[in-house]
N, C-alpha and C. Protein backbone atom coordinates (compact mmCIF):
# COMPACT_ATOMS: atom_id res chain seq x y z
N MET A 1 1.15 -1.00 0.23
CA MET A 1 0.15 0.32 0.24
C MET A 1 0.59 1.06 -0.08
N SER A 2 2.20 1.12 0.23
CA SER A 2 2.75 2.53 -0.13
C SER A 2 3.12 2.89 -1.02
N GLN A 3 2.84 2.19 -2.49
CA GLN A 3 2.54 2.79 -3.56
C GLN A 3 1.34 4.35 -3.54
N ASN A 4 0.19 3.49 -3.06
CA ASN A 4 -0.69 4.55 -2.71
C ASN A 4 -0.54 5.46 -2.09
N ARG A 5 -0.09 5.57 -0.91
CA ARG A 5 0.42 6.45 0.39
C ARG A 5 1.47 7.46 -0.38
N ASP A 6 2.26 7.01 -1.30
CA ASP A 6 3.52 7.84 -1.29
C ASP A 6 2.45 8.91 -3.23
N ALA A 7 2.19 8.03 -3.70
CA ALA A 7 1.52 8.79 -4.75
C ALA A 7 0.50 10.04 -4.13
N PHE A 8 -0.09 10.14 -3.28
CA PHE A 8 -1.00 10.73 -3.04
C PHE A 8 -0.08 11.80 -2.00
N LEU A 9 0.46 11.71 -1.39
CA LEU A 9 1.26 12.34 -0.41
C LEU A 9 2.03 13.26 -1.57
N GLU A 10 2.43 12.79 -2.81
CA GLU A 10 3.18 13.91 -3.47
C GLU A 10 2.34 14.73 -4.02
N HIS A 11 1.34 14.41 -3.99
CA HIS A 11 0.12 14.84 -5.41
C HIS A 11 -0.49 16.66 -4.34
N ILE A 12 -0.32 16.12 -2.78
CA ILE A 12 -1.06 17.65 -2.17
C ILE A 12 -0.11 18.70 -2.83
N GLY A 13 0.44 18.64 -2.38
CA GLY A 13 1.28 20.32 -2.23
C GLY A 13 1.67 20.91 -1.56
N GLY A 14 1.89 22.40 -1.34
CA GLY A 14 2.19 23.12 -0.24
C GLY A 14 2.94 22.37 0.63
N LYS A 15 3.27 22.69 2.25
CA LYS A 15 3.95 22.53 2.65
C LYS A 15 3.25 21.79 3.95
N PRO A 16 4.04 20.67 4.19
CA PRO A 16 3.52 19.43 5.15
C PRO A 16 3.85 19.95 6.52
N PRO A 17 2.98 19.64 7.83
CA PRO A 17 1.65 18.73 7.48
C PRO A 17 0.78 19.02 7.00
N TYR A 18 0.12 17.81 6.37
CA TYR A 18 -1.18 18.18 5.95
C TYR A 18 -2.11 17.32 6.88
N ARG A 19 -3.49 17.88 6.36
CA ARG A 19 -5.05 17.53 7.57
C ARG A 19 -5.40 16.63 6.25
N ILE A 20 -5.35 15.53 6.93
CA ILE A 20 -5.72 13.93 5.79
C ILE A 20 -6.86 13.22 6.71
N LEU A 21 -8.11 13.22 5.90
CA LEU A 21 -9.06 12.29 5.65
C LEU A 21 -8.95 11.09 5.49
N ASP A 22 -8.82 10.10 6.30
CA ASP A 22 -8.75 8.39 6.08
C ASP A 22 -9.96 7.94 5.48
N PHE A 23 -10.27 8.27 4.71
CA PHE A 23 -11.84 7.58 4.53
C PHE A 23 -12.03 6.09 4.33
N GLY A 24 -12.53 5.73 5.18
CA GLY A 24 -13.15 4.07 5.53
C GLY A 24 -12.04 3.36 5.69
N CYS A 25 -11.39 4.05 6.97
CA CYS A 25 -9.93 3.81 7.70
C CYS A 25 -9.85 2.25 8.05
N GLY A 26 -10.93 1.95 8.32
CA GLY A 26 -10.45 0.31 8.84
C GLY A 26 -9.87 0.29 9.92
N PRO A 27 -9.85 -0.59 10.28
CA PRO A 27 -8.20 -0.55 11.62
C PRO A 27 -7.87 -0.04 11.93
N GLY A 28 -7.18 1.18 10.66
CA GLY A 28 -6.54 2.36 10.89
C GLY A 28 -4.95 2.08 10.35
N ARG A 29 -4.51 1.19 9.44
CA ARG A 29 -3.08 1.01 9.30
C ARG A 29 -2.88 2.45 8.69
N ASP A 30 -3.36 2.95 7.23
CA ASP A 30 -2.74 3.94 6.65
C ASP A 30 -3.10 5.27 7.38
N LEU A 31 -4.47 5.38 8.38
CA LEU A 31 -4.14 6.31 9.65
C LEU A 31 -2.95 6.53 10.14
N LYS A 32 -2.71 5.61 11.08
CA LYS A 32 -1.40 5.65 11.52
C LYS A 32 -0.09 6.09 11.54
N VAL A 33 0.19 5.17 9.60
CA VAL A 33 1.08 5.79 9.02
C VAL A 33 1.34 7.14 8.54
N PHE A 34 0.30 8.03 8.25
CA PHE A 34 0.07 8.93 8.06
C PHE A 34 0.64 9.82 9.18
N SER A 35 -0.20 9.50 10.49
CA SER A 35 0.13 10.13 11.69
C SER A 35 1.58 9.92 12.05
N ASP A 36 2.02 9.13 11.85
CA ASP A 36 3.38 9.05 12.37
C ASP A 36 4.42 9.54 11.08
N LEU A 37 4.15 9.87 10.11
CA LEU A 37 5.39 10.75 9.32
C LEU A 37 4.73 12.24 9.47
N GLY A 38 3.60 12.41 10.74
CA GLY A 38 3.62 14.14 11.20
C GLY A 38 2.22 14.54 10.53
N HIS A 39 1.54 13.92 9.89
CA HIS A 39 0.82 14.65 9.42
C HIS A 39 -0.88 14.61 10.32
N GLU A 40 -1.92 15.59 10.51
CA GLU A 40 -2.92 15.53 11.08
C GLU A 40 -3.75 14.55 10.38
N THR A 41 -3.99 13.64 11.00
CA THR A 41 -4.96 12.53 10.40
C THR A 41 -5.89 11.88 10.85
N ILE A 42 -7.38 11.93 10.50
CA ILE A 42 -8.50 11.79 10.72
C ILE A 42 -9.29 10.96 10.39
N GLY A 43 -9.47 9.50 10.58
CA GLY A 43 -10.32 8.20 10.16
C GLY A 43 -11.64 8.96 10.53
N LEU A 44 -12.53 8.24 9.08
CA LEU A 44 -13.93 7.89 9.20
C LEU A 44 -14.04 6.46 8.79
N GLU A 45 -15.09 5.75 9.75
CA GLU A 45 -15.39 4.21 9.19
C GLU A 45 -16.40 4.19 9.24
N GLY A 46 -17.47 3.74 8.84
CA GLY A 46 -18.41 3.43 8.99
C GLY A 46 -19.09 2.03 9.82
N ALA A 47 -18.10 1.29 9.95
CA ALA A 47 -18.23 0.10 10.56
C ALA A 47 -18.08 -0.02 12.08
N GLU A 48 -18.47 0.55 13.07
CA GLU A 48 -18.36 0.53 14.27
C GLU A 48 -17.68 -0.13 14.65
N ARG A 49 -17.51 -1.28 14.58
CA ARG A 49 -16.37 -2.34 15.11
C ARG A 49 -14.92 -2.08 14.52
N PHE A 50 -14.99 -1.13 13.80
CA PHE A 50 -13.44 -0.51 13.39
C PHE A 50 -12.47 0.41 13.72
N VAL A 51 -13.98 1.10 14.35
CA VAL A 51 -13.82 2.62 14.96
C VAL A 51 -12.81 2.82 16.52
N GLU A 52 -13.18 1.94 17.42
CA GLU A 52 -12.71 2.06 18.47
C GLU A 52 -11.51 1.30 17.91
N PHE A 53 -11.20 0.27 16.76
CA PHE A 53 -9.87 -0.28 16.94
C PHE A 53 -8.60 0.50 16.80
N GLY A 54 -9.68 1.25 15.31
CA GLY A 54 -8.35 2.10 14.41
C GLY A 54 -8.26 3.59 15.53
N ARG A 55 -8.70 4.05 16.84
CA ARG A 55 -8.58 4.67 17.09
C ARG A 55 -7.17 4.34 18.51
N LYS A 56 -7.16 3.26 18.81
CA LYS A 56 -6.25 2.26 19.46
C LYS A 56 -5.19 2.63 18.84
N TYR A 57 -5.57 1.94 17.63
CA TYR A 57 -4.52 0.98 17.19
C TYR A 57 -3.09 2.30 16.59
N SER A 58 -4.34 3.86 15.86
CA SER A 58 -3.56 4.87 15.87
C SER A 58 -3.07 5.85 16.15
N GLY A 59 -3.71 6.26 16.91
CA GLY A 59 -3.84 6.66 18.66
C GLY A 59 -4.37 8.43 17.30
N CYS A 60 -5.35 8.14 16.71
CA CYS A 60 -5.57 9.08 15.95
C CYS A 60 -7.21 9.62 16.60
N GLU A 61 -8.03 10.60 15.70
CA GLU A 61 -9.47 10.81 15.75
C GLU A 61 -10.14 10.17 14.77
N VAL A 62 -11.40 9.14 15.11
CA VAL A 62 -11.36 7.91 13.96
C VAL A 62 -13.29 8.84 14.56
N TRP A 63 -13.74 9.37 13.28
CA TRP A 63 -15.45 9.70 13.23
C TRP A 63 -15.71 8.11 13.03
N HIS A 64 -17.43 7.67 13.22
CA HIS A 64 -17.92 6.89 13.28
C HIS A 64 -19.12 7.35 12.61
N GLN A 65 -19.31 7.75 11.08
CA GLN A 65 -20.10 7.90 10.11
C GLN A 65 -20.96 6.89 9.42
N ASP A 66 -21.94 7.09 8.96
CA ASP A 66 -22.16 6.34 7.70
C ASP A 66 -21.84 7.19 6.29
N PHE A 67 -21.61 6.16 5.61
CA PHE A 67 -21.05 6.54 4.30
C PHE A 67 -22.18 7.63 3.09
N LEU A 68 -23.25 7.23 3.85
CA LEU A 68 -24.76 7.75 3.12
C LEU A 68 -24.92 9.01 3.11
N ARG A 69 -24.29 9.23 4.78
CA ARG A 69 -24.80 10.24 5.77
C ARG A 69 -23.95 10.78 6.34
N LEU A 70 -22.72 11.51 5.27
CA LEU A 70 -21.93 12.29 5.63
C LEU A 70 -22.28 13.32 6.55
N GLN A 71 -21.30 13.79 8.07
CA GLN A 71 -21.58 15.14 8.48
C GLN A 71 -19.83 15.86 7.92
N LEU A 72 -19.46 16.24 7.63
CA LEU A 72 -17.99 16.66 6.93
C LEU A 72 -17.69 18.67 6.99
N PRO A 73 -16.98 18.83 7.88
CA PRO A 73 -16.72 20.23 8.16
C PRO A 73 -16.25 21.24 6.16
N VAL A 74 -16.10 22.08 6.07
CA VAL A 74 -15.89 22.90 4.94
C VAL A 74 -15.09 22.83 4.60
N GLU A 75 -14.29 22.84 3.57
CA GLU A 75 -12.97 23.58 2.93
C GLU A 75 -11.85 22.78 4.25
N TYR A 76 -11.75 21.48 4.82
CA TYR A 76 -11.43 21.64 6.49
C TYR A 76 -9.76 20.66 6.16
N PHE A 77 -9.88 19.81 4.50
CA PHE A 77 -8.64 18.39 4.11
C PHE A 77 -8.05 18.85 3.42
N ASP A 78 -6.34 18.93 3.76
CA ASP A 78 -5.79 19.29 2.11
C ASP A 78 -5.94 17.85 1.06
N GLY A 79 -6.36 16.60 2.30
CA GLY A 79 -6.60 15.62 1.11
C GLY A 79 -7.07 13.98 1.47
N ILE A 80 -7.64 13.71 0.89
CA ILE A 80 -8.85 12.68 1.16
C ILE A 80 -7.90 11.04 0.55
N PHE A 81 -8.20 10.45 1.97
CA PHE A 81 -7.47 9.16 1.20
C PHE A 81 -8.69 8.28 1.56
N ALA A 82 -8.80 7.65 0.04
CA ALA A 82 -10.32 6.64 0.20
C ALA A 82 -9.40 5.25 -0.37
N ASN A 83 -9.27 3.99 0.18
CA ASN A 83 -8.19 3.25 -0.11
C ASN A 83 -9.64 2.24 0.24
N ALA A 84 -9.88 1.37 -1.37
CA ALA A 84 -10.46 0.29 -0.62
C ALA A 84 -11.96 0.47 -0.10
N ALA A 85 -12.62 1.75 -0.23
CA ALA A 85 -13.87 2.18 0.80
C ALA A 85 -15.26 3.00 -0.45
N LEU A 86 -14.71 3.58 -1.42
CA LEU A 86 -16.35 3.51 -1.80
C LEU A 86 -16.96 3.12 -3.11
N PHE A 87 -16.12 2.08 -3.38
CA PHE A 87 -17.05 0.51 -4.01
C PHE A 87 -17.75 0.31 -3.12
N HIS A 88 -18.08 0.64 -1.62
CA HIS A 88 -19.15 0.11 -1.24
C HIS A 88 -20.63 0.96 -0.94
N VAL A 89 -20.51 1.72 -2.12
CA VAL A 89 -21.61 2.81 -1.63
C VAL A 89 -22.24 2.80 -3.21
N PRO A 90 -23.48 2.40 -2.75
CA PRO A 90 -24.28 2.42 -4.06
C PRO A 90 -24.23 3.58 -4.86
N SER A 91 -24.43 2.78 -6.33
CA SER A 91 -24.39 3.67 -7.80
C SER A 91 -25.16 4.80 -7.47
N GLN A 92 -26.17 4.83 -7.20
CA GLN A 92 -27.09 5.89 -6.92
C GLN A 92 -26.98 6.95 -5.90
N GLU A 93 -26.35 6.74 -4.93
CA GLU A 93 -25.59 7.65 -3.85
C GLU A 93 -24.18 8.43 -4.72
N LEU A 94 -23.68 7.40 -5.14
CA LEU A 94 -22.05 7.83 -5.48
C LEU A 94 -21.57 9.40 -5.77
N PRO A 95 -22.86 9.45 -6.70
CA PRO A 95 -22.68 11.43 -7.42
C PRO A 95 -22.57 12.18 -5.42
N ARG A 96 -23.78 12.18 -4.88
CA ARG A 96 -23.25 12.97 -3.66
C ARG A 96 -22.57 12.86 -2.69
N VAL A 97 -22.21 11.41 -2.52
CA VAL A 97 -21.17 11.33 -1.70
C VAL A 97 -19.45 11.95 -2.14
N LEU A 98 -20.10 12.06 -3.33
CA LEU A 98 -18.14 12.35 -3.86
C LEU A 98 -18.39 14.01 -3.85
N LYS A 99 -19.82 14.52 -3.74
CA LYS A 99 -19.66 16.34 -3.62
C LYS A 99 -19.70 16.70 -2.50
N ASP A 100 -19.94 15.51 -1.10
CA ASP A 100 -19.96 15.80 -0.21
C ASP A 100 -17.92 15.74 0.40
N LEU A 101 -17.19 14.91 -0.47
CA LEU A 101 -15.94 14.92 -0.22
C LEU A 101 -15.26 16.32 -0.78
N TRP A 102 -15.93 16.03 -1.83
CA TRP A 102 -15.38 17.92 -3.49
C TRP A 102 -15.53 18.63 -1.75
N ALA A 103 -16.37 18.80 -1.18
CA ALA A 103 -16.45 20.10 -0.42
C ALA A 103 -16.06 20.12 1.23
N THR A 104 -15.38 19.17 1.46
CA THR A 104 -14.51 18.86 2.77
C THR A 104 -12.82 19.42 2.27
N LEU A 105 -13.22 19.22 0.85
CA LEU A 105 -11.85 19.76 0.43
C LEU A 105 -11.29 21.25 0.93
N LYS A 106 -9.66 21.56 1.15
CA LYS A 106 -9.49 22.88 0.61
C LYS A 106 -9.19 22.72 -1.14
N PRO A 107 -9.36 24.08 -1.09
CA PRO A 107 -9.41 24.30 -2.77
C PRO A 107 -8.07 23.72 -2.91
N SER A 108 -7.72 23.10 -4.04
CA SER A 108 -6.73 22.81 -4.45
C SER A 108 -6.34 21.31 -3.72
N GLY A 109 -7.34 21.12 -3.11
CA GLY A 109 -6.83 19.11 -2.30
C GLY A 109 -6.95 18.88 -3.54
N VAL A 110 -6.28 16.85 -3.11
CA VAL A 110 -6.24 16.14 -3.58
C VAL A 110 -6.91 14.89 -3.07
N PHE A 111 -7.58 14.44 -4.04
CA PHE A 111 -8.48 13.18 -3.95
C PHE A 111 -8.29 12.04 -4.18
N PHE A 112 -7.91 10.81 -3.16
CA PHE A 112 -7.29 9.33 -3.64
C PHE A 112 -7.98 8.32 -3.35
N SER A 113 -8.28 7.88 -4.61
CA SER A 113 -8.79 6.37 -4.19
C SER A 113 -8.86 5.07 -4.86
N SER A 114 -9.18 4.28 -3.89
CA SER A 114 -8.53 2.93 -5.13
C SER A 114 -9.78 2.04 -4.94
N ASN A 115 -10.01 1.38 -5.67
CA ASN A 115 -11.12 0.57 -6.01
C ASN A 115 -10.90 -0.60 -6.65
N PRO A 116 -11.59 -2.05 -6.30
CA PRO A 116 -11.42 -2.74 -7.17
C PRO A 116 -11.64 -2.87 -8.41
N ARG A 117 -11.86 -2.89 -9.41
CA ARG A 117 -12.31 -2.37 -10.93
C ARG A 117 -12.75 -3.84 -11.37
N GLY A 118 -14.17 -3.38 -12.61
CA GLY A 118 -14.88 -4.30 -13.06
C GLY A 118 -15.40 -3.60 -14.66
N ASP A 119 -16.16 -4.29 -14.95
CA ASP A 119 -17.20 -4.05 -16.01
C ASP A 119 -18.79 -2.95 -15.50
N ASN A 120 -18.77 -2.07 -14.57
CA ASN A 120 -19.91 -1.15 -13.66
C ASN A 120 -21.06 -2.29 -13.25
N GLU A 121 -20.51 -3.35 -12.71
CA GLU A 121 -21.40 -4.24 -11.99
C GLU A 121 -21.25 -3.72 -10.56
N GLU A 122 -22.94 -4.29 -9.95
CA GLU A 122 -23.36 -4.04 -8.90
C GLU A 122 -23.89 -4.80 -7.88
N GLY A 123 -23.86 -5.14 -6.92
CA GLY A 123 -24.51 -5.80 -5.87
C GLY A 123 -23.97 -6.66 -4.90
N TRP A 124 -24.41 -7.74 -4.33
CA TRP A 124 -23.66 -8.46 -2.93
C TRP A 124 -22.86 -9.80 -3.60
N SER A 125 -21.82 -9.92 -3.20
CA SER A 125 -20.68 -10.95 -3.43
C SER A 125 -20.05 -10.82 -1.88
N GLY A 126 -20.53 -12.71 -1.47
CA GLY A 126 -19.81 -12.78 0.24
C GLY A 126 -20.49 -12.18 0.97
N GLY A 127 -21.67 -11.28 0.94
CA GLY A 127 -21.91 -10.95 2.41
C GLY A 127 -21.55 -8.91 2.78
N ARG A 128 -20.88 -8.66 1.30
CA ARG A 128 -20.84 -7.01 1.17
C ARG A 128 -20.79 -6.82 -0.48
N TYR A 129 -21.34 -5.56 -0.15
CA TYR A 129 -22.20 -4.49 -1.29
C TYR A 129 -21.01 -3.55 -1.95
N GLY A 130 -21.04 -4.21 -3.34
CA GLY A 130 -19.84 -3.55 -4.34
C GLY A 130 -20.54 -3.20 -5.45
N VAL A 131 -19.88 -2.10 -5.67
CA VAL A 131 -20.07 -1.70 -7.65
C VAL A 131 -18.43 -1.40 -7.87
N TYR A 132 -18.16 -2.06 -8.95
CA TYR A 132 -16.88 -2.43 -9.49
C TYR A 132 -16.82 -1.55 -10.95
N TYR A 133 -16.27 -0.59 -10.95
CA TYR A 133 -16.74 0.34 -12.29
C TYR A 133 -15.32 0.29 -12.61
N ASN A 134 -15.67 0.18 -14.58
CA ASN A 134 -14.62 0.77 -15.11
C ASN A 134 -13.62 2.16 -15.30
N LEU A 135 -12.70 1.95 -16.05
CA LEU A 135 -12.12 3.11 -15.49
C LEU A 135 -12.88 4.79 -16.15
N GLU A 136 -13.27 4.21 -17.62
CA GLU A 136 -14.47 5.33 -18.08
C GLU A 136 -15.47 5.91 -17.05
N ARG A 137 -16.26 4.88 -16.72
CA ARG A 137 -17.53 5.36 -16.06
C ARG A 137 -16.91 6.20 -14.25
N TRP A 138 -15.84 5.62 -13.82
CA TRP A 138 -15.25 6.15 -12.60
C TRP A 138 -14.80 7.75 -13.06
N ARG A 139 -14.01 8.04 -14.32
CA ARG A 139 -13.68 9.05 -14.64
C ARG A 139 -14.69 10.15 -14.57
N GLU A 140 -16.32 9.86 -15.33
CA GLU A 140 -17.24 10.50 -15.69
C GLU A 140 -17.88 10.92 -13.96
N LEU A 141 -17.83 9.82 -13.05
CA LEU A 141 -18.35 10.40 -11.71
C LEU A 141 -17.53 11.35 -10.86
N VAL A 142 -16.24 11.24 -11.07
CA VAL A 142 -15.43 11.95 -10.11
C VAL A 142 -15.38 13.22 -10.91
N THR A 143 -15.10 13.42 -12.23
CA THR A 143 -15.24 14.62 -13.05
C THR A 143 -16.18 15.30 -12.37
N GLU A 144 -17.66 14.69 -12.48
CA GLU A 144 -18.59 15.64 -12.52
C GLU A 144 -18.91 16.13 -11.12
N ALA A 145 -18.44 15.52 -10.13
CA ALA A 145 -18.73 15.94 -8.72
C ALA A 145 -17.69 17.22 -8.57
N GLY A 146 -16.41 17.34 -9.88
CA GLY A 146 -16.11 18.44 -9.73
C GLY A 146 -14.62 18.53 -9.72
N PHE A 147 -13.80 17.29 -9.72
CA PHE A 147 -12.72 16.97 -9.35
C PHE A 147 -11.72 17.10 -11.02
N VAL A 148 -10.29 17.47 -10.98
CA VAL A 148 -10.10 17.04 -12.70
C VAL A 148 -8.71 15.98 -12.15
N GLU A 149 -8.68 14.64 -13.02
CA GLU A 149 -7.67 13.90 -12.74
C GLU A 149 -6.44 14.32 -12.97
N ILE A 150 -5.87 13.90 -11.92
CA ILE A 150 -4.28 13.90 -11.77
C ILE A 150 -3.60 12.70 -12.27
N THR A 151 -4.20 11.63 -11.97
CA THR A 151 -3.26 10.16 -12.66
C THR A 151 -3.81 9.09 -12.26
N HIS A 152 -3.68 8.36 -12.97
CA HIS A 152 -4.40 6.82 -12.18
C HIS A 152 -3.26 5.81 -12.55
N TYR A 153 -3.83 4.43 -12.10
CA TYR A 153 -2.52 3.62 -12.45
C TYR A 153 -3.79 2.30 -11.66
N TYR A 154 -2.98 1.09 -12.38
CA TYR A 154 -3.42 -0.40 -11.79
C TYR A 154 -2.57 -0.59 -10.81
N ARG A 155 -3.25 -1.36 -10.11
CA ARG A 155 -2.29 -2.46 -9.07
C ARG A 155 -2.81 -4.02 -9.00
N PRO A 156 -2.13 -4.59 -8.62
CA PRO A 156 -0.35 -4.21 -8.36
C PRO A 156 0.29 -3.86 -9.34
N PRO A 157 1.68 -3.47 -9.51
CA PRO A 157 2.32 -2.91 -10.21
C PRO A 157 3.13 -4.09 -10.82
N GLY A 158 3.55 -4.21 -12.12
CA GLY A 158 4.53 -5.52 -12.70
C GLY A 158 3.84 -6.49 -13.37
N LEU A 159 2.60 -6.57 -13.19
CA LEU A 159 1.63 -7.22 -13.92
C LEU A 159 1.01 -7.19 -15.02
N PRO A 160 0.46 -8.12 -15.87
CA PRO A 160 -0.23 -8.05 -16.99
C PRO A 160 -1.50 -7.11 -16.53
N ARG A 161 -2.45 -6.47 -17.19
CA ARG A 161 -3.84 -5.89 -16.49
C ARG A 161 -4.23 -6.93 -15.79
N ALA A 162 -4.63 -7.83 -16.94
CA ALA A 162 -6.30 -8.64 -16.93
C ALA A 162 -5.72 -8.89 -14.79
N GLN A 163 -4.45 -9.42 -14.10
CA GLN A 163 -3.73 -9.41 -13.08
C GLN A 163 -3.62 -8.17 -12.24
N GLN A 164 -4.00 -7.26 -12.67
CA GLN A 164 -4.20 -6.06 -12.26
C GLN A 164 -5.87 -5.50 -11.61
N PRO A 165 -6.38 -6.62 -10.21
CA PRO A 165 -7.72 -6.13 -10.01
C PRO A 165 -8.01 -4.86 -9.54
N TRP A 166 -7.21 -3.79 -9.39
CA TRP A 166 -6.91 -2.69 -8.53
C TRP A 166 -7.13 -1.18 -9.78
N LEU A 167 -8.06 -0.41 -9.47
CA LEU A 167 -8.01 1.12 -10.03
C LEU A 167 -7.67 2.04 -8.86
N ALA A 168 -6.78 2.58 -9.28
CA ALA A 168 -6.42 3.64 -8.12
C ALA A 168 -6.44 4.81 -9.01
N SER A 169 -6.58 6.11 -8.58
CA SER A 169 -6.64 7.50 -9.10
C SER A 169 -6.61 8.89 -8.01
N LEU A 170 -5.98 9.24 -8.61
CA LEU A 170 -5.92 11.40 -8.16
C LEU A 170 -6.45 11.59 -8.59
N TRP A 171 -6.96 12.94 -8.05
CA TRP A 171 -7.90 13.63 -8.46
C TRP A 171 -8.00 15.12 -7.61
N ARG A 172 -7.95 16.24 -8.09
CA ARG A 172 -7.68 17.43 -7.83
C ARG A 172 -9.01 18.34 -7.77
N LYS A 173 -9.28 19.00 -6.44
CA LYS A 173 -10.28 19.90 -6.66
C LYS A 173 -10.09 21.27 -7.17
N ILE A 174 -11.19 21.58 -7.99
CA ILE A 174 -10.72 22.74 -8.49
C ILE A 174 -12.11 23.56 -8.27
N THR A 175 -11.71 24.81 -8.08
CA THR A 175 -12.46 26.21 -7.57
C THR A 175 -12.42 26.74 -8.98
N VAL A 176 -13.65 26.55 -9.49
CA VAL A 176 -14.08 27.94 -10.35
C VAL A 176 -14.59 29.06 -10.27
N PRO A 177 -13.68 30.21 -10.09
CA PRO A 177 -14.35 31.35 -9.71
C PRO A 177 -15.82 32.23 -9.97
N VAL A 178 -16.99 32.38 -9.48
CA VAL A 178 -18.02 33.16 -10.00
C VAL A 178 -17.66 34.49 -10.47
N ILE A 179 -18.10 34.56 -11.28
CA ILE A 179 -18.42 35.71 -12.73
C ILE A 179 -19.28 36.53 -12.05
């Protein structure tokens, strides 16, 4: 996962430390790494059992919030790190969730996402709900929310595309001045 964290931090810009939202932080692995690097990191987790675990493991603040009912401060974060989280958001709700994430980023903030890729399938599998977007559809959704693509890549690195099930992408919040 260091490839994802490194790409994210490289593109935030400005002078660290950064204020980072680890969206879907789970038990706190990335939360702890960002905190250990000196960044002000806050986790957000929908699974209650991971909230306390993430707090204890990372020593960071972790907000327990339903991904579909986000309550986030406006223009608060320099970056959002959403690793293996947003594919759990139903497709009809994702545009609103992405707009909420856009709103909580500072101007020119960076949004990182990594999700398992597919051909835009959606549904339950093994007791978990997921939406598996291809690059074209993912670009449409994130662009419509107001982000501009920085870059994307497939994971794990060094394998043929058919053996790279993860799509990682980095985006910048662009604000258009009102005329």
